[in-house]
Each structure stands twice: as structure tokens, then as C-alpha cells.
């Protein structure tokens, strides 16, 4: 995940996300040029297929989440975003999971 998206996730709660309707159902995204356009298309009554095409399917999710570009991509998160207050490196997460587990059982 791009560093700017990680920072935005920490600073965002579910009420800050934008919601658009696309195949197969709905997506919540951090706001940005493309996500806001997808909301506009949804509000205009465009079909889920049309909105999905405008989102260029999952390719634009990659542009948003991995490349950090919310002008041409979207970063989709659920309601749980409100509970994310820090993002740790994976080695720290694994260490926390294994804390208290004897070395021979790892």
C-alpha cells in the first residue's frame, strides 16, 4: 500500500469515505478525483456496469491503493477503517502474534 494511502487510512474514519455503486455491489473509497467522479456517476443513475467500466474494474484500485494516485484510482476500505489507528510493519505484527508462544512451538 502506498505511504500516502496508509497515512490517509490512519486519519480517516468511515464517515469520510465516499460510496459508489459498481459491480458487483458497492465500494467505499477514500475521496479523490476518480472516486468522486464514480460517486457522481452513481448519483446520476448510471448502471453498476457503467460505473465499473469508468472505474476500469480492479485496475484503478491498484492505481489508488498501491500507487497512491486517487486522481486516476480509488482506495477501497470498509467501515472498519474507523478502527485503524496505526499500520505496523509485518515483522512487528508477527512478533505480537507470537508473543507468549514458546520458541519450540513456533
C-alpha atoms as a PDB file:
ATOM      1  CA  UNK A   1       0.000   0.000   0.000  1.00  0.00           C
ATOM      2  CA  UNK A   2       1.286   3.466  -0.873  1.00  0.00           C
ATOM      3  CA  UNK A   3       2.568   5.561   2.038  1.00  0.00           C
ATOM      4  CA  UNK A   4       0.114   8.401   1.376  1.00  0.00           C
ATOM      5  CA  UNK A   5      -2.774   5.918   1.458  1.00  0.00           C
ATOM      6  CA  UNK A   6      -1.514   4.416   4.730  1.00  0.00           C
ATOM      7  CA  UNK A   7      -1.422   7.894   6.255  1.00  0.00           C
ATOM      8  CA  UNK A   8      -4.885   8.695   4.917  1.00  0.00           C
ATOM      9  CA  UNK A   9      -6.259   5.459   6.394  1.00  0.00           C
ATOM     10  CA  UNK A  10      -4.946   6.404   9.836  1.00  0.00           C
ATOM     11  CA  UNK A  11      -6.510   9.868   9.579  1.00  0.00           C
ATOM     12  CA  UNK A  12      -9.850   8.752   8.091  1.00  0.00           C
ATOM     13  CA  UNK A  13     -12.982   7.277   9.547  1.00  0.00           C
ATOM     14  CA  UNK A  14     -15.920   5.668   7.777  1.00  0.00           C
ATOM     15  CA  UNK A  15     -17.823   8.958   7.564  1.00  0.00           C
ATOM     16  CA  UNK A  16     -15.043  10.440   5.411  1.00  0.00           C
ATOM     17  CA  UNK A  17     -15.273   7.741   2.762  1.00  0.00           C
ATOM     18  CA  UNK A  18     -17.273   8.160  -0.429  1.00  0.00           C
ATOM     19  CA  UNK A  19     -19.682   5.431  -1.560  1.00  0.00           C
ATOM     20  CA  UNK A  20     -20.344   4.415  -5.147  1.00  0.00           C
ATOM     21  CA  UNK A  21     -22.324   1.614  -6.734  1.00  0.00           C
ATOM     22  CA  UNK A  22     -20.475  -0.653  -9.160  1.00  0.00           C
ATOM     23  CA  UNK A  23     -20.299  -4.342  -9.979  1.00  0.00           C
ATOM     24  CA  UNK A  24     -20.834  -6.462  -8.039  1.00  0.00           C
ATOM     25  CA  UNK A  25     -22.296  -4.187  -5.296  1.00  0.00           C
ATOM     26  CA  UNK A  26     -20.907  -1.079  -3.541  1.00  0.00           C
ATOM     27  CA  UNK A  27     -17.476   0.350  -2.829  1.00  0.00           C
ATOM     28  CA  UNK A  28     -16.283   2.740  -0.154  1.00  0.00           C
ATOM     29  CA  UNK A  29     -13.196   4.726  -1.053  1.00  0.00           C
ATOM     30  CA  UNK A  30     -11.017   7.479   0.234  1.00  0.00           C
ATOM     31  CA  UNK A  31     -12.103  10.649  -1.581  1.00  0.00           C
ATOM     32  CA  UNK A  32     -10.233  11.773  -4.675  1.00  0.00           C
ATOM     33  CA  UNK A  33     -10.799  12.809  -8.268  1.00  0.00           C
ATOM     34  CA  UNK A  34     -11.791   9.370  -9.606  1.00  0.00           C
ATOM     35  CA  UNK A  35     -13.739   8.215  -6.529  1.00  0.00           C
ATOM     36  CA  UNK A  36     -15.701  11.467  -6.524  1.00  0.00           C
ATOM     37  CA  UNK A  37     -16.439  11.007 -10.239  1.00  0.00           C
ATOM     38  CA  UNK A  38     -17.691   7.470  -9.570  1.00  0.00           C
ATOM     39  CA  UNK A  39     -19.994   8.838  -6.862  1.00  0.00           C
ATOM     40  CA  UNK A  40     -21.270  11.390  -9.370  1.00  0.00           C
ATOM     41  CA  UNK A  41     -21.988   8.663 -11.930  1.00  0.00           C
ATOM     42  CA  UNK A  42     -23.831   6.668  -9.258  1.00  0.00           C
ATOM     43  CA  UNK A  43     -25.854   9.736  -8.267  1.00  0.00           C
ATOM     44  CA  UNK A  44     -26.706  10.330 -11.941  1.00  0.00           C
ATOM     45  CA  UNK A  45     -28.267   6.857 -12.044  1.00  0.00           C
ATOM     46  CA  UNK A  46     -25.649   5.160 -14.221  1.00  0.00           C
ATOM     47  CA  UNK A  47     -25.748   1.371 -14.110  1.00  0.00           C
ATOM     48  CA  UNK A  48     -23.329  -0.596 -11.965  1.00  0.00           C
ATOM     49  CA  UNK A  49     -21.738  -1.857 -15.164  1.00  0.00           C
ATOM     50  CA  UNK A  50     -21.185   1.705 -16.449  1.00  0.00           C
ATOM     51  CA  UNK A  51     -19.653   2.815 -13.158  1.00  0.00           C
ATOM     52  CA  UNK A  52     -17.469  -0.312 -13.069  1.00  0.00           C
ATOM     53  CA  UNK A  53     -16.260   0.473 -16.582  1.00  0.00           C
ATOM     54  CA  UNK A  54     -15.464   4.054 -15.550  1.00  0.00           C
ATOM     55  CA  UNK A  55     -13.517   2.626 -12.602  1.00  0.00           C
ATOM     56  CA  UNK A  56     -11.642   0.368 -15.054  1.00  0.00           C
ATOM     57  CA  UNK A  57     -12.506  -2.509 -12.736  1.00  0.00           C
ATOM     58  CA  UNK A  58      -9.793  -3.512 -10.297  1.00  0.00           C
ATOM     59  CA  UNK A  59      -7.008  -1.860 -12.300  1.00  0.00           C
ATOM     60  CA  UNK A  60      -7.941   1.528 -10.848  1.00  0.00           C
ATOM     61  CA  UNK A  61      -7.990   0.054  -7.338  1.00  0.00           C
ATOM     62  CA  UNK A  62      -4.332  -0.816  -7.893  1.00  0.00           C
ATOM     63  CA  UNK A  63      -3.649   2.741  -9.048  1.00  0.00           C
ATOM     64  CA  UNK A  64      -5.241   4.100  -5.895  1.00  0.00           C
ATOM     65  CA  UNK A  65      -4.090   1.694  -3.204  1.00  0.00           C
ATOM     66  CA  UNK A  66      -0.680   0.583  -4.454  1.00  0.00           C
ATOM     67  CA  UNK A  67       0.410   3.630  -6.451  1.00  0.00           C
ATOM     68  CA  UNK A  68      -1.338   6.121  -4.160  1.00  0.00           C
ATOM     69  CA  UNK A  69      -2.952   8.018  -7.044  1.00  0.00           C
ATOM     70  CA  UNK A  70      -6.529   8.998  -6.192  1.00  0.00           C
ATOM     71  CA  UNK A  71      -6.770  11.131  -9.329  1.00  0.00           C
ATOM     72  CA  UNK A  72      -6.896   8.059 -11.551  1.00  0.00           C
ATOM     73  CA  UNK A  73      -7.558   5.349  -8.955  1.00  0.00           C
ATOM     74  CA  UNK A  74      -9.599   4.519  -5.866  1.00  0.00           C
ATOM     75  CA  UNK A  75      -8.677   3.098  -2.466  1.00  0.00           C
ATOM     76  CA  UNK A  76     -11.435   0.846  -1.202  1.00  0.00           C
ATOM     77  CA  UNK A  77     -11.905   0.200   2.520  1.00  0.00           C
ATOM     78  CA  UNK A  78     -14.828  -0.885   4.625  1.00  0.00           C
ATOM     79  CA  UNK A  79     -16.392   0.539   7.752  1.00  0.00           C
ATOM     80  CA  UNK A  80     -13.537  -0.895   9.803  1.00  0.00           C
ATOM     81  CA  UNK A  81     -11.328   1.953   8.617  1.00  0.00           C
ATOM     82  CA  UNK A  82     -12.532   3.883  11.680  1.00  0.00           C
ATOM     83  CA  UNK A  83     -10.630   1.465  13.913  1.00  0.00           C
ATOM     84  CA  UNK A  84      -7.264   1.672  12.136  1.00  0.00           C
ATOM     85  CA  UNK A  85      -5.026   3.994  14.130  1.00  0.00           C
ATOM     86  CA  UNK A  86      -1.617   2.728  13.063  1.00  0.00           C
ATOM     87  CA  UNK A  87      -0.113   0.491  10.417  1.00  0.00           C
ATOM     88  CA  UNK A  88       2.831  -1.588  11.568  1.00  0.00           C
ATOM     89  CA  UNK A  89       5.418  -3.458   9.502  1.00  0.00           C
ATOM     90  CA  UNK A  90       4.601  -7.140   9.139  1.00  0.00           C
ATOM     91  CA  UNK A  91       7.549  -8.283  11.270  1.00  0.00           C
ATOM     92  CA  UNK A  92       6.121  -6.365  14.249  1.00  0.00           C
ATOM     93  CA  UNK A  93       2.681  -7.869  13.657  1.00  0.00           C
ATOM     94  CA  UNK A  94       4.116 -11.404  13.554  1.00  0.00           C
ATOM     95  CA  UNK A  95       6.124 -10.734  16.725  1.00  0.00           C
ATOM     96  CA  UNK A  96       2.930  -9.630  18.504  1.00  0.00           C
ATOM     97  CA  UNK A  97       1.089 -12.737  17.319  1.00  0.00           C
ATOM     98  CA  UNK A  98       3.875 -14.987  18.587  1.00  0.00           C
ATOM     99  CA  UNK A  99       4.405 -13.190  21.901  1.00  0.00           C
ATOM    100  CA  UNK A 100       3.946 -15.690  24.684  1.00  0.00           C
ATOM    101  CA  UNK A 101       4.296 -18.697  22.356  1.00  0.00           C
ATOM    102  CA  UNK A 102       7.299 -20.832  23.330  1.00  0.00           C
ATOM    103  CA  UNK A 103      10.072 -20.805  20.717  1.00  0.00           C
ATOM    104  CA  UNK A 104       9.814 -24.580  20.116  1.00  0.00           C
ATOM    105  CA  UNK A 105       6.130 -24.211  19.162  1.00  0.00           C
ATOM    106  CA  UNK A 106       6.675 -21.512  16.544  1.00  0.00           C
END
